[in-house]
Amino acid sequence: MSLLEAIILGLIQGLSEFLPVSSSGHLLVFHHIFGITAEDNLTFIIVLNMGSLLPLLFVFRKDIWALIKNPFQKTTALLVIATVPLVIVTLLFEHHIEAMFYSIHILPIGFVITGVVLVLSDRLKKNDKDIKGMRIIDAVLIGCAQAVAVFPGLSRSGSTITATMARGVSRENAAKFSFLMSVPAAIGAMTFRAIRILGDPALIEGLNFVNLAAGFITAAVSGYLAINFMLAIVKKAKLKYFAFYYVFALAVFVILLF
């Protein structure tokens, strides 16, 4: 992997992790374009995840700190409940999920589904319910949307924000809840991959620390910009523009290229 490729992948991770465009799908496409085997770059993927997690912790530092200071509150319970479906799906279908990640031919299906979801999200009526007004069933259904988004090409943020708005939560609070949900999801994914690395020391041999640093910094900076941009466009109901990108550009590109 060259330095330029590391920077490009860091940029893709930072932007696509928080915009409704499927980070795993984009990384898979560019891994194929660059001729990179994702399995051989597991450590690099973890570093990119760490880079994109950093701006998330910074932007929502007040909310996260409030949860840490007072963990026994309704918002904490809702986040835990919303994370359970993802944990269950990951444990039950671990090998299937891994296998799908390397199958680029099914990406257009996920891209098109996400495009449809984004179009529908902008058509949802505006609501004023906040996170504390959510119920347990809301958290369960939103968590199921996050769990389903492990399918390649499905956007985690797009799925969870749309599901949260569909449960009557305001656009701003839907985006906030979705991003807060991604914290345990990201930490869990990094932990899962780190365990695999510890079980196979060969995955950390011959690492290029310059590339790792470049990918980390790029993912962190682009992730910060993406979070703030996403918070702005959700309020204005502009997610349908990403749907056009999905359906008419990316899905067709993948089909024609691969």
C-alpha atoms as a PDB file:
ATOM      1  CA  MET A   1       0.000   0.000   0.000  1.00  0.00           C
ATOM      2  CA  SER A   2       1.384   3.387  -0.997  1.00  0.00           C
ATOM      3  CA  LEU A   3       1.151   6.578   1.064  1.00  0.00           C
ATOM      4  CA  LEU A   4      -1.373   8.031  -1.394  1.00  0.00           C
ATOM      5  CA  GLU A   5      -3.571   4.936  -1.121  1.00  0.00           C
ATOM      6  CA  ALA A   6      -3.419   5.158   2.686  1.00  0.00           C
ATOM      7  CA  ILE A   7      -4.546   8.791   2.571  1.00  0.00           C
ATOM      8  CA  ILE A   8      -7.368   8.025   0.121  1.00  0.00           C
ATOM      9  CA  LEU A   9      -8.616   5.129   2.264  1.00  0.00           C
ATOM     10  CA  GLY A  10      -8.441   7.339   5.360  1.00  0.00           C
ATOM     11  CA  LEU A  11     -10.479   9.986   3.562  1.00  0.00           C
ATOM     12  CA  ILE A  12     -13.057   7.410   2.497  1.00  0.00           C
ATOM     13  CA  GLN A  13     -13.331   5.993   6.021  1.00  0.00           C
ATOM     14  CA  GLY A  14     -13.750   9.397   7.649  1.00  0.00           C
ATOM     15  CA  LEU A  15     -16.384  10.637   5.204  1.00  0.00           C
ATOM     16  CA  SER A  16     -18.365   7.469   4.603  1.00  0.00           C
ATOM     17  CA  GLU A  17     -18.481   6.416   8.262  1.00  0.00           C
ATOM     18  CA  PHE A  18     -20.770   9.323   9.117  1.00  0.00           C
ATOM     19  CA  LEU A  19     -22.359  10.251   5.799  1.00  0.00           C
ATOM     20  CA  PRO A  20     -25.128   7.851   4.681  1.00  0.00           C
ATOM     21  CA  VAL A  21     -22.921   6.119   2.107  1.00  0.00           C
ATOM     22  CA  SER A  22     -21.701   2.837   3.694  1.00  0.00           C
ATOM     23  CA  SER A  23     -18.069   2.953   4.814  1.00  0.00           C
ATOM     24  CA  SER A  24     -17.592  -0.811   4.430  1.00  0.00           C
ATOM     25  CA  GLY A  25     -18.997  -0.713   0.892  1.00  0.00           C
ATOM     26  CA  HIS A  26     -16.736   2.129  -0.187  1.00  0.00           C
ATOM     27  CA  LEU A  27     -13.659   0.594   1.401  1.00  0.00           C
ATOM     28  CA  LEU A  28     -14.404  -2.693  -0.348  1.00  0.00           C
ATOM     29  CA  VAL A  29     -14.698  -0.962  -3.728  1.00  0.00           C
ATOM     30  CA  PHE A  30     -11.413   0.885  -3.321  1.00  0.00           C
ATOM     31  CA  HIS A  31      -9.651  -2.191  -1.949  1.00  0.00           C
ATOM     32  CA  HIS A  32     -10.505  -3.858  -5.255  1.00  0.00           C
ATOM     33  CA  ILE A  33      -9.464  -0.827  -7.292  1.00  0.00           C
ATOM     34  CA  PHE A  34      -6.104  -0.651  -5.511  1.00  0.00           C
ATOM     35  CA  GLY A  35      -5.668  -4.422  -5.532  1.00  0.00           C
ATOM     36  CA  ILE A  36      -5.464  -4.546  -1.737  1.00  0.00           C
ATOM     37  CA  THR A  37      -6.581  -7.597   0.218  1.00  0.00           C
ATOM     38  CA  ALA A  38      -8.576  -6.416   3.214  1.00  0.00           C
ATOM     39  CA  GLU A  39      -7.576  -9.434   5.270  1.00  0.00           C
ATOM     40  CA  ASP A  40      -3.915  -8.504   4.881  1.00  0.00           C
ATOM     41  CA  ASN A  41      -4.646  -4.953   6.103  1.00  0.00           C
ATOM     42  CA  LEU A  42      -6.699  -5.735   9.179  1.00  0.00           C
ATOM     43  CA  THR A  43      -4.447  -3.611  11.377  1.00  0.00           C
ATOM     44  CA  PHE A  44      -4.776  -0.676   8.988  1.00  0.00           C
ATOM     45  CA  ILE A  45      -8.577  -0.995   9.069  1.00  0.00           C
ATOM     46  CA  ILE A  46      -8.503  -0.822  12.886  1.00  0.00           C
ATOM     47  CA  VAL A  47      -6.355   2.312  12.723  1.00  0.00           C
ATOM     48  CA  LEU A  48      -8.841   3.907  10.311  1.00  0.00           C
ATOM     49  CA  ASN A  49     -11.691   3.033  12.679  1.00  0.00           C
ATOM     50  CA  MET A  50      -9.778   4.638  15.550  1.00  0.00           C
ATOM     51  CA  GLY A  51      -9.240   7.742  13.432  1.00  0.00           C
ATOM     52  CA  SER A  52     -12.928   8.121  12.614  1.00  0.00           C
ATOM     53  CA  LEU A  53     -13.936   7.412  16.225  1.00  0.00           C
ATOM     54  CA  LEU A  54     -11.842  10.299  17.554  1.00  0.00           C
ATOM     55  CA  PRO A  55     -13.916  13.170  16.042  1.00  0.00           C
ATOM     56  CA  LEU A  56     -17.112  11.417  17.107  1.00  0.00           C
ATOM     57  CA  LEU A  57     -15.933  11.445  20.722  1.00  0.00           C
ATOM     58  CA  PHE A  58     -14.921  15.093  20.367  1.00  0.00           C
ATOM     59  CA  VAL A  59     -18.120  16.416  18.776  1.00  0.00           C
ATOM     60  CA  PHE A  60     -20.363  14.621  21.283  1.00  0.00           C
ATOM     61  CA  ARG A  61     -17.974  14.916  24.220  1.00  0.00           C
ATOM     62  CA  LYS A  62     -20.558  16.684  26.409  1.00  0.00           C
ATOM     63  CA  ASP A  63     -23.231  14.046  25.795  1.00  0.00           C
ATOM     64  CA  ILE A  64     -20.786  11.192  26.305  1.00  0.00           C
ATOM     65  CA  TRP A  65     -19.364  12.741  29.466  1.00  0.00           C
ATOM     66  CA  ALA A  66     -22.901  13.201  30.827  1.00  0.00           C
ATOM     67  CA  LEU A  67     -23.545   9.490  30.242  1.00  0.00           C
ATOM     68  CA  ILE A  68     -20.277   8.539  31.939  1.00  0.00           C
ATOM     69  CA  LYS A  69     -20.990  10.714  34.985  1.00  0.00           C
ATOM     70  CA  ASN A  70     -24.517   9.352  35.297  1.00  0.00           C
ATOM     71  CA  PRO A  71     -24.650   5.938  33.602  1.00  0.00           C
ATOM     72  CA  PHE A  72     -27.925   4.928  35.267  1.00  0.00           C
ATOM     73  CA  GLN A  73     -30.238   7.012  33.136  1.00  0.00           C
ATOM     74  CA  LYS A  74     -32.771   6.396  30.396  1.00  0.00           C
ATOM     75  CA  THR A  75     -30.516   7.444  27.504  1.00  0.00           C
ATOM     76  CA  THR A  76     -27.874   4.912  28.573  1.00  0.00           C
ATOM     77  CA  ALA A  77     -30.475   2.166  28.772  1.00  0.00           C
ATOM     78  CA  LEU A  78     -31.800   3.042  25.317  1.00  0.00           C
ATOM     79  CA  LEU A  79     -28.298   2.946  23.818  1.00  0.00           C
ATOM     80  CA  VAL A  80     -27.578  -0.425  25.435  1.00  0.00           C
ATOM     81  CA  ILE A  81     -30.864  -1.883  24.191  1.00  0.00           C
ATOM     82  CA  ALA A  82     -30.245  -0.499  20.695  1.00  0.00           C
ATOM     83  CA  THR A  83     -26.819  -2.170  20.623  1.00  0.00           C
ATOM     84  CA  VAL A  84     -28.070  -5.642  21.587  1.00  0.00           C
ATOM     85  CA  PRO A  85     -29.427  -6.636  18.126  1.00  0.00           C
ATOM     86  CA  LEU A  86     -26.052  -5.842  16.518  1.00  0.00           C
ATOM     87  CA  VAL A  87     -24.226  -7.946  19.110  1.00  0.00           C
ATOM     88  CA  ILE A  88     -26.595 -10.877  18.557  1.00  0.00           C
ATOM     89  CA  VAL A  89     -26.300 -10.718  14.755  1.00  0.00           C
ATOM     90  CA  THR A  90     -22.507 -10.424  14.931  1.00  0.00           C
ATOM     91  CA  LEU A  91     -22.151 -13.428  17.241  1.00  0.00           C
ATOM     92  CA  LEU A  92     -24.591 -15.617  15.298  1.00  0.00           C
ATOM     93  CA  PHE A  93     -23.471 -14.733  11.772  1.00  0.00           C
ATOM     94  CA  GLU A  94     -19.816 -13.793  12.249  1.00  0.00           C
ATOM     95  CA  HIS A  95     -18.471 -15.936   9.409  1.00  0.00           C
ATOM     96  CA  HIS A  96     -21.258 -14.981   7.006  1.00  0.00           C
ATOM     97  CA  ILE A  97     -20.660 -11.292   7.671  1.00  0.00           C
ATOM     98  CA  GLU A  98     -16.938 -11.707   7.037  1.00  0.00           C
ATOM     99  CA  ALA A  99     -17.618 -13.612   3.822  1.00  0.00           C
ATOM    100  CA  MET A 100     -20.017 -10.926   2.560  1.00  0.00           C
ATOM    101  CA  PHE A 101     -17.416  -8.239   3.164  1.00  0.00           C
ATOM    102  CA  TYR A 102     -15.212  -9.745   0.457  1.00  0.00           C
ATOM    103  CA  SER A 103     -18.060 -10.212  -2.052  1.00  0.00           C
ATOM    104  CA  ILE A 104     -18.208  -7.032  -4.087  1.00  0.00           C
ATOM    105  CA  HIS A 105     -20.877  -8.362  -6.442  1.00  0.00           C
ATOM    106  CA  ILE A 106     -23.644  -7.990  -3.851  1.00  0.00           C
ATOM    107  CA  LEU A 107     -22.775  -4.366  -3.073  1.00  0.00           C
ATOM    108  CA  PRO A 108     -25.202  -2.851  -5.637  1.00  0.00           C
ATOM    109  CA  ILE A 109     -28.110  -4.506  -3.797  1.00  0.00           C
ATOM    110  CA  GLY A 110     -27.187  -2.762  -0.567  1.00  0.00           C
ATOM    111  CA  PHE A 111     -26.537   0.524  -2.366  1.00  0.00           C
ATOM    112  CA  VAL A 112     -29.965   0.522  -4.019  1.00  0.00           C
ATOM    113  CA  ILE A 113     -31.749  -0.379  -0.764  1.00  0.00           C
ATOM    114  CA  THR A 114     -29.957   2.451   1.011  1.00  0.00           C
ATOM    115  CA  GLY A 115     -30.925   4.838  -1.782  1.00  0.00           C
ATOM    116  CA  VAL A 116     -34.596   3.946  -1.346  1.00  0.00           C
ATOM    117  CA  VAL A 117     -34.335   4.341   2.436  1.00  0.00           C
ATOM    118  CA  LEU A 118     -32.803   7.811   2.082  1.00  0.00           C
ATOM    119  CA  VAL A 119     -35.550   8.972  -0.290  1.00  0.00           C
ATOM    120  CA  LEU A 120     -38.181   7.767   2.171  1.00  0.00           C
ATOM    121  CA  SER A 121     -36.411   9.462   5.095  1.00  0.00           C
ATOM    122  CA  ASP A 122     -36.876  12.912   3.574  1.00  0.00           C
ATOM    123  CA  ARG A 123     -40.595  12.206   3.166  1.00  0.00           C
ATOM    124  CA  LEU A 124     -41.120  11.486   6.852  1.00  0.00           C
ATOM    125  CA  LYS A 125     -43.062  14.186   8.639  1.00  0.00           C
ATOM    126  CA  LYS A 126     -41.239  16.402  11.090  1.00  0.00           C
ATOM    127  CA  ASN A 127     -41.536  15.413  14.738  1.00  0.00           C
ATOM    128  CA  ASP A 128     -40.422  17.014  17.966  1.00  0.00           C
ATOM    129  CA  LYS A 129     -39.816  14.012  20.240  1.00  0.00           C
ATOM    130  CA  ASP A 130     -36.400  13.989  21.895  1.00  0.00           C
ATOM    131  CA  ILE A 131     -34.257  11.042  22.969  1.00  0.00           C
ATOM    132  CA  LYS A 132     -35.694  10.952  26.485  1.00  0.00           C
ATOM    133  CA  GLY A 133     -39.146  10.624  24.957  1.00  0.00           C
ATOM    134  CA  MET A 134     -38.191   7.365  23.243  1.00  0.00           C
ATOM    135  CA  ARG A 135     -39.521   4.019  24.454  1.00  0.00           C
ATOM    136  CA  ILE A 136     -37.899   0.601  24.711  1.00  0.00           C
ATOM    137  CA  ILE A 137     -39.624  -0.604  21.534  1.00  0.00           C
ATOM    138  CA  ASP A 138     -38.127   2.384  19.701  1.00  0.00           C
ATOM    139  CA  ALA A 139     -34.625   1.407  20.787  1.00  0.00           C
ATOM    140  CA  VAL A 140     -35.215  -2.225  19.776  1.00  0.00           C
ATOM    141  CA  LEU A 141     -36.411  -1.328  16.275  1.00  0.00           C
ATOM    142  CA  ILE A 142     -33.609   1.197  15.742  1.00  0.00           C
ATOM    143  CA  GLY A 143     -31.143  -1.415  16.951  1.00  0.00           C
ATOM    144  CA  CYS A 144     -32.551  -3.897  14.425  1.00  0.00           C
ATOM    145  CA  ALA A 145     -31.972  -1.314  11.677  1.00  0.00           C
ATOM    146  CA  GLN A 146     -28.347  -1.056  12.779  1.00  0.00           C
ATOM    147  CA  ALA A 147     -27.975  -4.835  12.844  1.00  0.00           C
ATOM    148  CA  VAL A 148     -29.384  -5.212   9.326  1.00  0.00           C
ATOM    149  CA  ALA A 149     -26.880  -2.587   8.141  1.00  0.00           C
ATOM    150  CA  VAL A 150     -24.046  -5.134   8.470  1.00  0.00           C
ATOM    151  CA  PHE A 151     -25.123  -6.198   4.968  1.00  0.00           C
ATOM    152  CA  PRO A 152     -22.537  -4.792   2.501  1.00  0.00           C
ATOM    153  CA  GLY A 153     -23.609  -1.535   0.910  1.00  0.00           C
ATOM    154  CA  LEU A 154     -26.171  -0.644   3.558  1.00  0.00           C
ATOM    155  CA  SER A 155     -25.424   2.586   5.371  1.00  0.00           C
ATOM    156  CA  ARG A 156     -25.447   2.293   9.158  1.00  0.00           C
ATOM    157  CA  SER A 157     -26.034   6.014   9.712  1.00  0.00           C
ATOM    158  CA  GLY A 158     -28.661   6.237   6.975  1.00  0.00           C
ATOM    159  CA  SER A 159     -30.536   3.212   8.305  1.00  0.00           C
ATOM    160  CA  THR A 160     -30.480   4.217  11.963  1.00  0.00           C
ATOM    161  CA  ILE A 161     -31.309   7.892  11.407  1.00  0.00           C
ATOM    162  CA  THR A 162     -34.256   6.971   9.176  1.00  0.00           C
ATOM    163  CA  ALA A 163     -35.486   4.356  11.677  1.00  0.00           C
ATOM    164  CA  THR A 164     -35.205   6.846  14.538  1.00  0.00           C
ATOM    165  CA  MET A 165     -37.149   9.508  12.642  1.00  0.00           C
ATOM    166  CA  ALA A 166     -39.758   6.903  11.714  1.00  0.00           C
ATOM    167  CA  ARG A 167     -40.308   6.388  15.449  1.00  0.00           C
ATOM    168  CA  GLY A 168     -41.298  10.040  15.821  1.00  0.00           C
ATOM    169  CA  VAL A 169     -37.972  11.488  16.968  1.00  0.00           C
ATOM    170  CA  SER A 170     -36.952  14.899  15.640  1.00  0.00           C
ATOM    171  CA  ARG A 171     -34.323  15.005  12.911  1.00  0.00           C
ATOM    172  CA  GLU A 172     -31.667  16.588  15.113  1.00  0.00           C
ATOM    173  CA  ASN A 173     -32.177  14.104  17.944  1.00  0.00           C
ATOM    174  CA  ALA A 174     -32.338  11.207  15.476  1.00  0.00           C
ATOM    175  CA  ALA A 175     -28.910  12.119  14.148  1.00  0.00           C
ATOM    176  CA  LYS A 176     -27.526  12.513  17.669  1.00  0.00           C
ATOM    177  CA  PHE A 177     -28.893   9.141  18.804  1.00  0.00           C
ATOM    178  CA  SER A 178     -27.517   7.457  15.677  1.00  0.00           C
ATOM    179  CA  PHE A 179     -24.048   8.885  16.259  1.00  0.00           C
ATOM    180  CA  LEU A 180     -24.097   7.965  19.949  1.00  0.00           C
ATOM    181  CA  MET A 181     -25.103   4.424  18.936  1.00  0.00           C
ATOM    182  CA  SER A 182     -22.068   4.217  16.690  1.00  0.00           C
ATOM    183  CA  VAL A 183     -19.658   4.663  19.637  1.00  0.00           C
ATOM    184  CA  PRO A 184     -20.206   1.195  21.199  1.00  0.00           C
ATOM    185  CA  ALA A 185     -20.552  -0.276  17.700  1.00  0.00           C
ATOM    186  CA  ALA A 186     -17.175   1.131  16.632  1.00  0.00           C
ATOM    187  CA  ILE A 187     -15.461   0.100  19.875  1.00  0.00           C
ATOM    188  CA  GLY A 188     -16.928  -3.384  19.559  1.00  0.00           C
ATOM    189  CA  ALA A 189     -15.753  -3.734  15.949  1.00  0.00           C
ATOM    190  CA  MET A 190     -12.239  -2.593  16.852  1.00  0.00           C
ATOM    191  CA  THR A 191     -12.104  -4.980  19.813  1.00  0.00           C
ATOM    192  CA  PHE A 192     -13.315  -7.875  17.666  1.00  0.00           C
ATOM    193  CA  ARG A 193     -10.655  -7.220  15.035  1.00  0.00           C
ATOM    194  CA  ALA A 194      -7.943  -6.621  17.641  1.00  0.00           C
ATOM    195  CA  ILE A 195      -8.624 -10.071  19.106  1.00  0.00           C
ATOM    196  CA  ARG A 196      -8.081 -11.564  15.657  1.00  0.00           C
ATOM    197  CA  ILE A 197      -4.771  -9.732  15.335  1.00  0.00           C
ATOM    198  CA  LEU A 198      -3.600 -10.966  18.733  1.00  0.00           C
ATOM    199  CA  GLY A 199      -4.389 -14.484  17.557  1.00  0.00           C
ATOM    200  CA  ASP A 200      -2.301 -14.032  14.407  1.00  0.00           C
ATOM    201  CA  PRO A 201       0.879 -11.961  15.027  1.00  0.00           C
ATOM    202  CA  ALA A 202       1.680 -12.152  11.299  1.00  0.00           C
ATOM    203  CA  LEU A 203      -0.960  -9.460  10.743  1.00  0.00           C
ATOM    204  CA  ILE A 204       1.239  -6.858  12.450  1.00  0.00           C
ATOM    205  CA  GLU A 205       4.521  -7.795  10.800  1.00  0.00           C
ATOM    206  CA  GLY A 206       6.084  -5.296   8.399  1.00  0.00           C
ATOM    207  CA  LEU A 207       3.689  -2.462   9.225  1.00  0.00           C
ATOM    208  CA  ASN A 208       4.349   0.891   7.589  1.00  0.00           C
ATOM    209  CA  PHE A 209       3.844   3.370  10.421  1.00  0.00           C
ATOM    210  CA  VAL A 210       3.924   6.361   8.069  1.00  0.00           C
ATOM    211  CA  ASN A 211       0.948   4.952   6.183  1.00  0.00           C
ATOM    212  CA  LEU A 212      -0.818   4.135   9.455  1.00  0.00           C
ATOM    213  CA  ALA A 213      -0.341   7.691  10.718  1.00  0.00           C
ATOM    214  CA  ALA A 214      -1.460   9.201   7.400  1.00  0.00           C
ATOM    215  CA  GLY A 215      -4.607   7.071   7.332  1.00  0.00           C
ATOM    216  CA  PHE A 216      -5.403   7.837  10.978  1.00  0.00           C
ATOM    217  CA  ILE A 217      -5.016  11.615  10.616  1.00  0.00           C
ATOM    218  CA  THR A 218      -6.967  11.742   7.352  1.00  0.00           C
ATOM    219  CA  ALA A 219      -9.808   9.658   8.803  1.00  0.00           C
ATOM    220  CA  ALA A 220      -9.942  11.887  11.898  1.00  0.00           C
ATOM    221  CA  VAL A 221     -10.023  15.194  10.000  1.00  0.00           C
ATOM    222  CA  SER A 222     -12.468  14.054   7.313  1.00  0.00           C
ATOM    223  CA  GLY A 223     -14.630  12.381   9.964  1.00  0.00           C
ATOM    224  CA  TYR A 224     -14.940  15.644  11.888  1.00  0.00           C
ATOM    225  CA  LEU A 225     -16.063  17.470   8.746  1.00  0.00           C
ATOM    226  CA  ALA A 226     -18.490  14.672   7.834  1.00  0.00           C
ATOM    227  CA  ILE A 227     -20.175  14.653  11.257  1.00  0.00           C
ATOM    228  CA  ASN A 228     -20.879  18.373  11.202  1.00  0.00           C
ATOM    229  CA  PHE A 229     -22.027  18.241   7.580  1.00  0.00           C
ATOM    230  CA  MET A 230     -24.351  15.329   8.319  1.00  0.00           C
ATOM    231  CA  LEU A 231     -25.907  17.096  11.302  1.00  0.00           C
ATOM    232  CA  ALA A 232     -26.651  20.076   9.031  1.00  0.00           C
ATOM    233  CA  ILE A 233     -28.192  18.182   6.109  1.00  0.00           C
ATOM    234  CA  VAL A 234     -30.377  15.978   8.299  1.00  0.00           C
ATOM    235  CA  LYS A 235     -32.105  19.089   9.646  1.00  0.00           C
ATOM    236  CA  LYS A 236     -32.773  20.307   6.094  1.00  0.00           C
ATOM    237  CA  ALA A 237     -34.081  16.936   4.829  1.00  0.00           C
ATOM    238  CA  LYS A 238     -31.491  16.679   2.080  1.00  0.00           C
ATOM    239  CA  LEU A 239     -30.639  12.980   2.365  1.00  0.00           C
ATOM    240  CA  LYS A 240     -32.309  12.234  -0.969  1.00  0.00           C
ATOM    241  CA  TYR A 241     -29.294  13.704  -2.769  1.00  0.00           C
ATOM    242  CA  PHE A 242     -27.199  10.878  -1.381  1.00  0.00           C
ATOM    243  CA  ALA A 243     -29.833   8.497  -2.736  1.00  0.00           C
ATOM    244  CA  PHE A 244     -29.188   9.771  -6.253  1.00  0.00           C
ATOM    245  CA  TYR A 245     -25.491   9.186  -5.700  1.00  0.00           C
ATOM    246  CA  TYR A 246     -26.217   5.635  -4.540  1.00  0.00           C
ATOM    247  CA  VAL A 247     -28.734   4.521  -7.133  1.00  0.00           C
ATOM    248  CA  PHE A 248     -27.642   6.373 -10.255  1.00  0.00           C
ATOM    249  CA  ALA A 249     -23.893   6.544  -9.718  1.00  0.00           C
ATOM    250  CA  LEU A 250     -22.278   4.131  -7.286  1.00  0.00           C
ATOM    251  CA  ALA A 251     -24.429   1.049  -7.905  1.00  0.00           C
ATOM    252  CA  VAL A 252     -24.089   1.412 -11.678  1.00  0.00           C
ATOM    253  CA  PHE A 253     -20.337   2.055 -11.339  1.00  0.00           C
ATOM    254  CA  VAL A 254     -19.818  -1.149  -9.339  1.00  0.00           C
ATOM    255  CA  ILE A 255     -21.904  -3.198 -11.762  1.00  0.00           C
ATOM    256  CA  LEU A 256     -20.013  -1.910 -14.806  1.00  0.00           C
ATOM    257  CA  LEU A 257     -16.560  -2.111 -13.203  1.00  0.00           C
ATOM    258  CA  PHE A 258     -16.772  -5.505 -11.534  1.00  0.00           C
END
